[in-house]
Amino acid sequence: MNRPFLPPFLALLAILLSVPLTAQEAPRIDQPSLLDRRYMDQQRELIDELGRSLYGQGLRNRRDDDLALMQRLLDEGRVRPGQTRELQAMGVVMGDLLATELDMQWVVYEDRSGRSRALRYQGSDNYLFPITMISRRWEAGSRTPVAEIYQTAVSHIEPVRNPLPFQ
């Protein structure tokens, strides 16, 4: 039987959406601790330093530039599958870009599966988990472009965003 391929995060999302949470199973949402924030800063610095040392260009906090830098690191094999720390650092950078574009905030999401840093849309129950979006794909052999991963994440939040005035 030929089944369609679902990227790992979509398969996980489908599973999570099909299992209703009871009041006991509801996730716990907290603000990132000082330790979380420091760790994420170190991850940003890792990608910035890689870009500066290899290409003379660090992070610029501009979507197209930063996504292109991360794609170049991947395409040229400077970051490879198995380098989970670097791949997840790229996820933090991508998360920062998503947070800016989609008006989301970093939170700590804890449920029966564990503790994760996630992006939350305006206090709603809409979350993205960008830290593992790149690493899970690349470590599973998928070579989905970083810009495509980014756009897929945007498309999951766009439908729940508040419309801009005068549209």
Protein backbone atom coordinates (compact mmCIF):
# COMPACT_ATOMS: atom_id res chain seq x y z
CA MET A 1 0.00 0.00 0.00
CA ASN A 2 1.42 3.40 -0.99
CA ARG A 3 0.81 5.95 1.77
CA PRO A 4 1.50 9.67 1.41
CA PHE A 5 4.57 10.91 3.29
CA LEU A 6 3.80 13.24 6.18
CA PRO A 7 6.67 15.30 7.56
CA PRO A 8 7.29 14.23 11.17
CA PHE A 9 5.96 17.42 12.75
CA LEU A 10 2.71 17.19 10.72
CA ALA A 11 2.28 13.56 11.75
CA LEU A 12 2.79 14.57 15.40
CA LEU A 13 0.36 17.46 14.99
CA ALA A 14 -2.25 15.13 13.49
CA ILE A 15 -1.86 12.76 16.44
CA LEU A 16 -2.07 15.57 18.98
CA LEU A 17 -5.15 17.04 17.35
CA SER A 18 -6.92 13.67 17.31
CA VAL A 19 -6.49 13.09 21.07
CA PRO A 20 -8.65 15.39 23.19
CA LEU A 21 -7.02 16.73 26.33
CA THR A 22 -8.87 16.44 29.61
CA ALA A 23 -8.46 19.01 32.33
CA GLN A 24 -5.83 16.77 33.95
CA GLU A 25 -3.88 16.44 30.71
CA ALA A 26 -3.92 20.10 29.73
CA PRO A 27 -0.42 21.40 29.10
CA ARG A 28 1.25 23.72 31.56
CA ILE A 29 2.37 26.98 29.98
CA ASP A 30 5.02 29.17 31.61
CA GLN A 31 7.28 32.02 30.66
CA PRO A 32 10.82 30.96 29.74
CA SER A 33 13.09 30.91 32.77
CA LEU A 34 16.35 32.81 32.96
CA LEU A 35 18.10 29.52 32.15
CA ASP A 36 15.86 29.02 29.08
CA ARG A 37 16.57 32.54 27.85
CA ARG A 38 20.33 32.15 28.34
CA TYR A 39 20.34 28.83 26.51
CA MET A 40 18.38 30.30 23.60
CA ASP A 41 20.78 33.27 23.48
CA GLN A 42 23.69 30.83 23.25
CA GLN A 43 21.95 29.05 20.36
CA ARG A 44 21.45 32.35 18.50
CA GLU A 45 25.12 33.20 19.09
CA LEU A 46 26.17 29.80 17.71
CA ILE A 47 24.48 30.44 14.36
CA ASP A 48 25.64 34.06 14.29
CA GLU A 49 29.26 33.01 14.92
CA LEU A 50 29.08 30.25 12.30
CA GLY A 51 27.87 32.73 9.70
CA ARG A 52 30.47 35.33 10.63
CA SER A 53 33.38 32.91 10.68
CA LEU A 54 32.46 31.10 7.46
CA TYR A 55 30.90 33.84 5.33
CA GLY A 56 31.59 37.15 7.04
CA GLN A 57 27.84 37.53 7.62
CA GLY A 58 26.06 36.93 10.88
CA LEU A 59 22.40 37.07 11.74
CA ARG A 60 20.62 40.24 10.70
CA ASN A 61 17.15 39.64 12.17
CA ARG A 62 15.74 39.89 8.65
CA ARG A 63 13.73 36.92 7.46
CA ASP A 64 15.12 36.47 3.97
CA ASP A 65 18.75 37.08 4.98
CA ASP A 66 18.68 34.78 8.01
CA LEU A 67 16.78 31.98 6.25
CA ALA A 68 19.28 32.19 3.36
CA LEU A 69 22.22 32.01 5.78
CA MET A 70 20.82 28.90 7.44
CA GLN A 71 20.08 27.29 4.08
CA ARG A 72 23.63 27.97 2.93
CA LEU A 73 25.03 26.36 6.09
CA LEU A 74 22.96 23.27 5.31
CA ASP A 75 23.57 23.18 1.55
CA GLU A 76 27.32 23.48 1.96
CA GLY A 77 27.41 20.79 4.66
CA ARG A 78 28.65 23.19 7.33
CA VAL A 79 25.80 21.89 9.49
CA ARG A 80 24.92 18.25 8.89
CA PRO A 81 22.34 15.75 10.09
CA GLY A 82 23.46 14.55 13.48
CA GLN A 83 24.55 18.02 14.59
CA THR A 84 21.41 18.35 16.67
CA ARG A 85 22.68 21.31 18.69
CA GLU A 86 23.34 23.39 15.56
CA LEU A 87 20.14 22.29 13.84
CA GLN A 88 18.09 23.20 16.91
CA ALA A 89 19.95 26.50 17.16
CA MET A 90 18.66 27.20 13.64
CA GLY A 91 15.19 26.43 14.98
CA VAL A 92 15.59 29.13 17.64
CA VAL A 93 16.63 31.64 14.96
CA MET A 94 13.68 30.62 12.79
CA GLY A 95 11.42 30.89 15.84
CA ASP A 96 12.55 34.45 16.46
CA LEU A 97 11.67 35.33 12.87
CA LEU A 98 8.25 33.64 13.19
CA ALA A 99 7.60 35.42 16.49
CA THR A 100 8.27 38.78 14.88
CA GLU A 101 6.20 38.14 11.76
CA LEU A 102 3.26 36.46 13.48
CA ASP A 103 3.18 38.37 16.78
CA MET A 104 3.94 35.26 18.83
CA GLN A 105 5.76 34.86 22.15
CA TRP A 106 8.21 32.27 23.40
CA VAL A 107 6.76 30.09 26.17
CA VAL A 108 7.61 26.84 27.90
CA TYR A 109 5.07 24.17 27.00
CA GLU A 110 4.99 21.17 29.32
CA ASP A 111 2.75 18.15 28.91
CA ARG A 112 2.93 14.41 29.51
CA SER A 113 5.49 14.15 26.67
CA GLY A 114 7.90 16.57 28.29
CA ARG A 115 9.01 20.18 28.33
CA SER A 116 9.52 22.23 25.16
CA ARG A 117 10.16 25.80 24.21
CA ALA A 118 7.38 26.90 21.90
CA LEU A 119 5.83 29.94 20.30
CA ARG A 120 2.31 30.87 21.40
CA TYR A 121 -0.05 33.06 19.44
CA GLN A 122 -1.48 35.83 21.65
CA GLY A 123 -2.44 33.77 24.67
CA SER A 124 -4.42 31.30 22.55
CA ASP A 125 -4.07 27.54 22.30
CA ASN A 126 -2.17 27.90 19.01
CA TYR A 127 1.48 26.88 19.26
CA LEU A 128 4.46 26.30 17.02
CA PHE A 129 7.51 24.26 18.01
CA PRO A 130 10.20 25.76 15.77
CA ILE A 131 13.25 24.47 17.63
CA THR A 132 12.84 20.99 16.18
CA MET A 133 11.29 21.89 12.82
CA ILE A 134 14.61 21.83 10.98
CA SER A 135 16.44 19.23 13.05
CA ARG A 136 13.78 16.53 12.81
CA ARG A 137 13.52 16.84 9.06
CA TRP A 138 17.24 16.94 8.32
CA GLU A 139 18.03 14.14 10.76
CA ALA A 140 15.31 11.99 9.10
CA GLY A 141 16.84 12.57 5.66
CA SER A 142 14.41 15.19 4.38
CA ARG A 143 16.04 18.13 2.66
CA THR A 144 13.06 20.47 2.83
CA PRO A 145 14.33 24.03 2.27
CA VAL A 146 14.39 26.21 5.37
CA ALA A 147 12.20 28.84 3.66
CA GLU A 148 9.59 26.15 2.93
CA ILE A 149 9.61 24.97 6.56
CA TYR A 150 9.18 28.59 7.61
CA GLN A 151 6.28 29.17 5.22
CA THR A 152 4.55 25.99 6.37
CA ALA A 153 4.71 27.25 9.96
CA VAL A 154 3.28 30.61 8.88
CA SER A 155 0.43 28.88 7.06
CA HIS A 156 -0.58 27.07 10.27
CA ILE A 157 -0.97 30.32 12.23
CA GLU A 158 -2.27 32.67 9.50
CA PRO A 159 -5.88 31.36 9.68
CA VAL A 160 -6.16 32.18 13.41
CA ARG A 161 -4.53 35.61 13.26
CA ASN A 162 -6.60 38.69 13.89
CA PRO A 163 -7.25 40.52 10.63
CA LEU A 164 -5.40 43.77 10.18
CA PRO A 165 -7.57 46.88 10.24
CA PHE A 166 -8.78 48.21 6.88
CA GLN A 167 -8.48 44.95 5.01
